């Protein structure tokens, strides 16, 4: 299986920088793991979206899109579970 390339929306990078210090290493490890396995244990597909998924990191969620045809994973949001689904 080929490795995926990870890309961030600029807003997702800002959200990652604002996370509590103890969560950041776990979130980065989860994101790096997506490059090898975009469908890890515990992943959920979001209803109403064609290729958007979420993975849990404690009380935080990482929302991402998988572009299989280009082998790219785009990180969309990284926020606390109470705020991540709000627009």
N, C-alpha and C. Protein backbone atom coordinates (compact mmCIF):
# COMPACT_ATOMS: atom_id res chain seq x y z
N UNK A 1 0.84 -1.18 0.00
CA UNK A 1 0.00 0.00 0.00
C UNK A 1 0.89 1.25 0.00
N UNK A 2 0.57 2.18 -0.86
CA UNK A 2 1.37 3.41 -0.98
C UNK A 2 1.08 4.35 0.19
N UNK A 3 2.06 5.16 0.50
CA UNK A 3 1.93 6.12 1.58
C UNK A 3 1.23 7.39 1.06
N UNK A 4 0.36 7.93 1.86
CA UNK A 4 -0.37 9.15 1.50
C UNK A 4 0.44 10.37 1.92
N UNK A 5 0.23 11.45 1.22
CA UNK A 5 0.84 12.73 1.59
C UNK A 5 -0.16 13.49 2.44
N UNK A 6 0.31 14.13 3.50
CA UNK A 6 -0.55 14.90 4.40
C UNK A 6 -0.48 16.37 4.02
N UNK A 7 -1.65 16.98 3.86
CA UNK A 7 -1.74 18.43 3.61
C UNK A 7 -2.70 19.02 4.63
N UNK A 8 -2.41 20.26 5.03
CA UNK A 8 -3.24 20.96 6.02
C UNK A 8 -3.90 22.17 5.38
N UNK A 9 -5.16 22.40 5.74
CA UNK A 9 -5.73 23.72 5.47
C UNK A 9 -5.05 24.68 6.44
N UNK A 10 -4.91 25.92 6.03
CA UNK A 10 -4.22 26.89 6.90
C UNK A 10 -4.97 27.05 8.22
N UNK A 11 -6.28 26.99 8.19
CA UNK A 11 -7.06 27.11 9.43
C UNK A 11 -6.82 25.91 10.35
N UNK A 12 -6.62 24.73 9.79
CA UNK A 12 -6.34 23.55 10.61
C UNK A 12 -4.99 23.66 11.30
N UNK A 13 -4.00 24.24 10.62
CA UNK A 13 -2.69 24.45 11.25
C UNK A 13 -2.80 25.40 12.43
N UNK A 14 -3.58 26.45 12.27
CA UNK A 14 -3.78 27.40 13.36
C UNK A 14 -4.48 26.73 14.55
N UNK A 15 -5.47 25.89 14.25
CA UNK A 15 -6.18 25.17 15.31
C UNK A 15 -5.24 24.22 16.04
N UNK A 16 -4.35 23.55 15.30
CA UNK A 16 -3.38 22.64 15.90
C UNK A 16 -2.45 23.40 16.84
N UNK A 17 -2.03 24.58 16.44
CA UNK A 17 -1.15 25.40 17.28
C UNK A 17 -1.83 25.85 18.57
N UNK A 18 -3.15 25.97 18.57
CA UNK A 18 -3.90 26.45 19.74
C UNK A 18 -4.28 25.34 20.72
N UNK A 19 -4.01 24.10 20.36
CA UNK A 19 -4.35 22.99 21.26
C UNK A 19 -3.49 23.04 22.52
N UNK A 20 -3.99 22.45 23.61
CA UNK A 20 -3.17 22.36 24.82
C UNK A 20 -1.87 21.58 24.54
N UNK A 21 -0.81 21.98 25.21
CA UNK A 21 0.52 21.39 24.95
C UNK A 21 0.56 19.87 25.07
N UNK A 22 -0.18 19.32 26.02
CA UNK A 22 -0.14 17.88 26.23
C UNK A 22 -0.85 17.11 25.12
N UNK A 23 -1.71 17.75 24.36
CA UNK A 23 -2.47 17.09 23.29
C UNK A 23 -1.72 17.12 21.96
N UNK A 24 -0.92 18.15 21.74
CA UNK A 24 -0.25 18.34 20.44
C UNK A 24 0.56 17.12 20.00
N UNK A 25 1.43 16.53 20.83
CA UNK A 25 2.18 15.36 20.36
C UNK A 25 1.29 14.19 19.96
N UNK A 26 0.20 13.98 20.71
CA UNK A 26 -0.72 12.88 20.38
C UNK A 26 -1.44 13.16 19.07
N UNK A 27 -1.82 14.42 18.86
CA UNK A 27 -2.51 14.78 17.60
C UNK A 27 -1.57 14.63 16.42
N UNK A 28 -0.33 15.06 16.56
CA UNK A 28 0.64 14.94 15.46
C UNK A 28 0.92 13.47 15.16
N UNK A 29 1.03 12.64 16.19
CA UNK A 29 1.24 11.21 15.99
C UNK A 29 0.07 10.59 15.24
N UNK A 30 -1.15 10.98 15.59
CA UNK A 30 -2.35 10.46 14.91
C UNK A 30 -2.36 10.90 13.45
N UNK A 31 -1.98 12.14 13.19
CA UNK A 31 -1.96 12.65 11.82
C UNK A 31 -0.89 11.94 11.00
N UNK A 32 0.28 11.74 11.57
CA UNK A 32 1.34 11.00 10.85
C UNK A 32 0.92 9.57 10.56
N UNK A 33 0.19 8.96 11.49
CA UNK A 33 -0.30 7.60 11.27
C UNK A 33 -1.27 7.50 10.11
N UNK A 34 -1.98 8.59 9.83
CA UNK A 34 -2.93 8.58 8.71
C UNK A 34 -2.22 8.41 7.37
N UNK A 35 -0.96 8.83 7.27
CA UNK A 35 -0.21 8.69 6.02
C UNK A 35 -0.04 7.22 5.64
N UNK A 36 0.13 6.36 6.63
CA UNK A 36 0.29 4.93 6.37
C UNK A 36 -1.04 4.19 6.34
N UNK A 37 -1.98 4.61 7.18
CA UNK A 37 -3.27 3.96 7.25
C UNK A 37 -4.36 5.02 7.39
N UNK A 38 -4.99 5.44 6.27
CA UNK A 38 -6.00 6.50 6.35
C UNK A 38 -7.31 6.05 7.00
N UNK A 39 -7.44 4.75 7.28
CA UNK A 39 -8.64 4.23 7.93
C UNK A 39 -8.25 3.49 9.21
N UNK A 40 -7.70 4.20 10.21
CA UNK A 40 -7.27 3.52 11.44
C UNK A 40 -8.46 3.03 12.25
N UNK A 41 -8.17 2.24 13.26
CA UNK A 41 -9.22 1.75 14.15
C UNK A 41 -9.89 2.94 14.82
N UNK A 42 -11.20 2.95 14.85
CA UNK A 42 -11.95 4.01 15.49
C UNK A 42 -12.33 5.16 14.56
N UNK A 43 -11.93 5.09 13.30
CA UNK A 43 -12.27 6.17 12.36
C UNK A 43 -13.76 6.11 12.06
N UNK A 44 -14.36 7.27 11.86
CA UNK A 44 -15.79 7.36 11.51
C UNK A 44 -15.94 8.24 10.28
N UNK A 45 -16.79 7.80 9.36
CA UNK A 45 -17.13 8.62 8.20
C UNK A 45 -18.22 9.58 8.62
N UNK A 46 -18.09 10.84 8.23
CA UNK A 46 -19.10 11.83 8.60
C UNK A 46 -20.29 11.73 7.67
N UNK A 47 -21.48 11.70 8.24
CA UNK A 47 -22.71 11.62 7.47
C UNK A 47 -22.89 12.90 6.65
N UNK A 48 -23.31 12.74 5.41
CA UNK A 48 -23.58 13.88 4.56
C UNK A 48 -22.36 14.36 3.78
N UNK A 49 -21.23 13.70 3.95
CA UNK A 49 -20.01 14.06 3.23
C UNK A 49 -19.52 12.84 2.46
N UNK A 50 -18.98 13.09 1.29
CA UNK A 50 -18.56 11.99 0.44
C UNK A 50 -17.27 11.33 0.91
N UNK A 51 -16.27 12.12 1.31
CA UNK A 51 -14.97 11.55 1.67
C UNK A 51 -14.36 12.18 2.92
N UNK A 52 -15.19 12.62 3.85
CA UNK A 52 -14.70 13.25 5.07
C UNK A 52 -14.84 12.28 6.24
N UNK A 53 -13.77 12.17 7.03
CA UNK A 53 -13.70 11.25 8.15
C UNK A 53 -13.23 12.00 9.40
N UNK A 54 -13.38 11.35 10.55
CA UNK A 54 -12.87 11.92 11.78
C UNK A 54 -12.21 10.83 12.59
N UNK A 55 -11.20 11.25 13.34
CA UNK A 55 -10.51 10.35 14.25
C UNK A 55 -10.41 11.07 15.60
N UNK A 56 -10.53 10.30 16.68
CA UNK A 56 -10.49 10.86 18.03
C UNK A 56 -9.07 10.87 18.57
N UNK A 57 -8.78 11.94 19.31
CA UNK A 57 -7.55 12.03 20.09
C UNK A 57 -7.98 12.60 21.44
N UNK A 58 -8.37 11.71 22.34
CA UNK A 58 -8.90 12.14 23.63
C UNK A 58 -10.20 12.89 23.43
N UNK A 59 -10.27 14.10 23.95
CA UNK A 59 -11.47 14.95 23.83
C UNK A 59 -11.46 15.75 22.52
N UNK A 60 -10.46 15.55 21.70
CA UNK A 60 -10.30 16.32 20.47
C UNK A 60 -10.58 15.46 19.25
N UNK A 61 -10.92 16.12 18.15
CA UNK A 61 -11.23 15.42 16.91
C UNK A 61 -10.39 16.01 15.78
N UNK A 62 -9.98 15.12 14.87
CA UNK A 62 -9.27 15.53 13.67
C UNK A 62 -10.16 15.16 12.50
N UNK A 63 -10.61 16.17 11.77
CA UNK A 63 -11.44 15.94 10.58
C UNK A 63 -10.53 16.00 9.36
N UNK A 64 -10.71 15.05 8.46
CA UNK A 64 -9.86 15.01 7.27
C UNK A 64 -10.60 14.43 6.08
N UNK A 65 -10.12 14.77 4.89
CA UNK A 65 -10.65 14.24 3.64
C UNK A 65 -9.59 13.36 3.00
N UNK A 66 -10.04 12.26 2.41
CA UNK A 66 -9.13 11.34 1.73
C UNK A 66 -9.35 11.49 0.23
N UNK A 67 -8.27 11.78 -0.49
CA UNK A 67 -8.29 11.88 -1.94
C UNK A 67 -7.49 10.69 -2.48
N UNK A 68 -8.17 9.54 -2.66
CA UNK A 68 -7.49 8.31 -3.06
C UNK A 68 -6.83 8.42 -4.43
N UNK A 69 -7.43 9.14 -5.34
CA UNK A 69 -6.88 9.22 -6.69
C UNK A 69 -5.53 9.94 -6.73
N UNK A 70 -5.27 10.82 -5.75
CA UNK A 70 -4.00 11.56 -5.70
C UNK A 70 -3.15 11.16 -4.50
N UNK A 71 -3.61 10.21 -3.69
CA UNK A 71 -2.93 9.76 -2.47
C UNK A 71 -2.61 10.93 -1.54
N UNK A 72 -3.65 11.73 -1.27
CA UNK A 72 -3.52 12.90 -0.39
C UNK A 72 -4.56 12.82 0.72
N UNK A 73 -4.13 13.16 1.92
CA UNK A 73 -5.05 13.33 3.04
C UNK A 73 -4.98 14.80 3.42
N UNK A 74 -6.14 15.48 3.39
CA UNK A 74 -6.19 16.89 3.72
C UNK A 74 -6.82 17.05 5.11
N UNK A 75 -6.06 17.60 6.04
CA UNK A 75 -6.55 17.85 7.39
C UNK A 75 -7.40 19.13 7.34
N UNK A 76 -8.66 19.01 7.75
CA UNK A 76 -9.61 20.12 7.65
C UNK A 76 -9.73 20.88 8.97
N UNK A 77 -9.90 20.14 10.08
CA UNK A 77 -10.09 20.78 11.39
C UNK A 77 -9.44 19.93 12.47
N UNK A 78 -8.98 20.61 13.52
CA UNK A 78 -8.43 19.96 14.71
C UNK A 78 -8.93 20.78 15.89
N UNK A 79 -10.00 20.30 16.55
CA UNK A 79 -10.61 21.07 17.64
C UNK A 79 -11.20 20.14 18.69
N UNK A 80 -11.62 20.76 19.79
CA UNK A 80 -12.32 20.03 20.85
C UNK A 80 -13.64 19.51 20.30
N UNK A 81 -14.08 18.40 20.82
CA UNK A 81 -15.28 17.74 20.29
C UNK A 81 -16.53 18.61 20.36
N UNK A 82 -16.61 19.53 21.31
CA UNK A 82 -17.79 20.38 21.42
C UNK A 82 -17.83 21.46 20.34
N UNK A 83 -16.67 21.76 19.72
CA UNK A 83 -16.60 22.85 18.74
C UNK A 83 -16.32 22.40 17.32
N UNK A 84 -15.85 21.18 17.14
CA UNK A 84 -15.33 20.78 15.83
C UNK A 84 -16.39 20.74 14.73
N UNK A 85 -17.62 20.45 15.05
CA UNK A 85 -18.65 20.31 14.02
C UNK A 85 -19.39 21.61 13.75
N UNK A 86 -19.10 22.66 14.51
CA UNK A 86 -19.77 23.96 14.30
C UNK A 86 -19.12 24.67 13.12
N UNK A 87 -19.93 25.39 12.38
CA UNK A 87 -19.39 26.15 11.22
C UNK A 87 -19.30 27.60 11.55
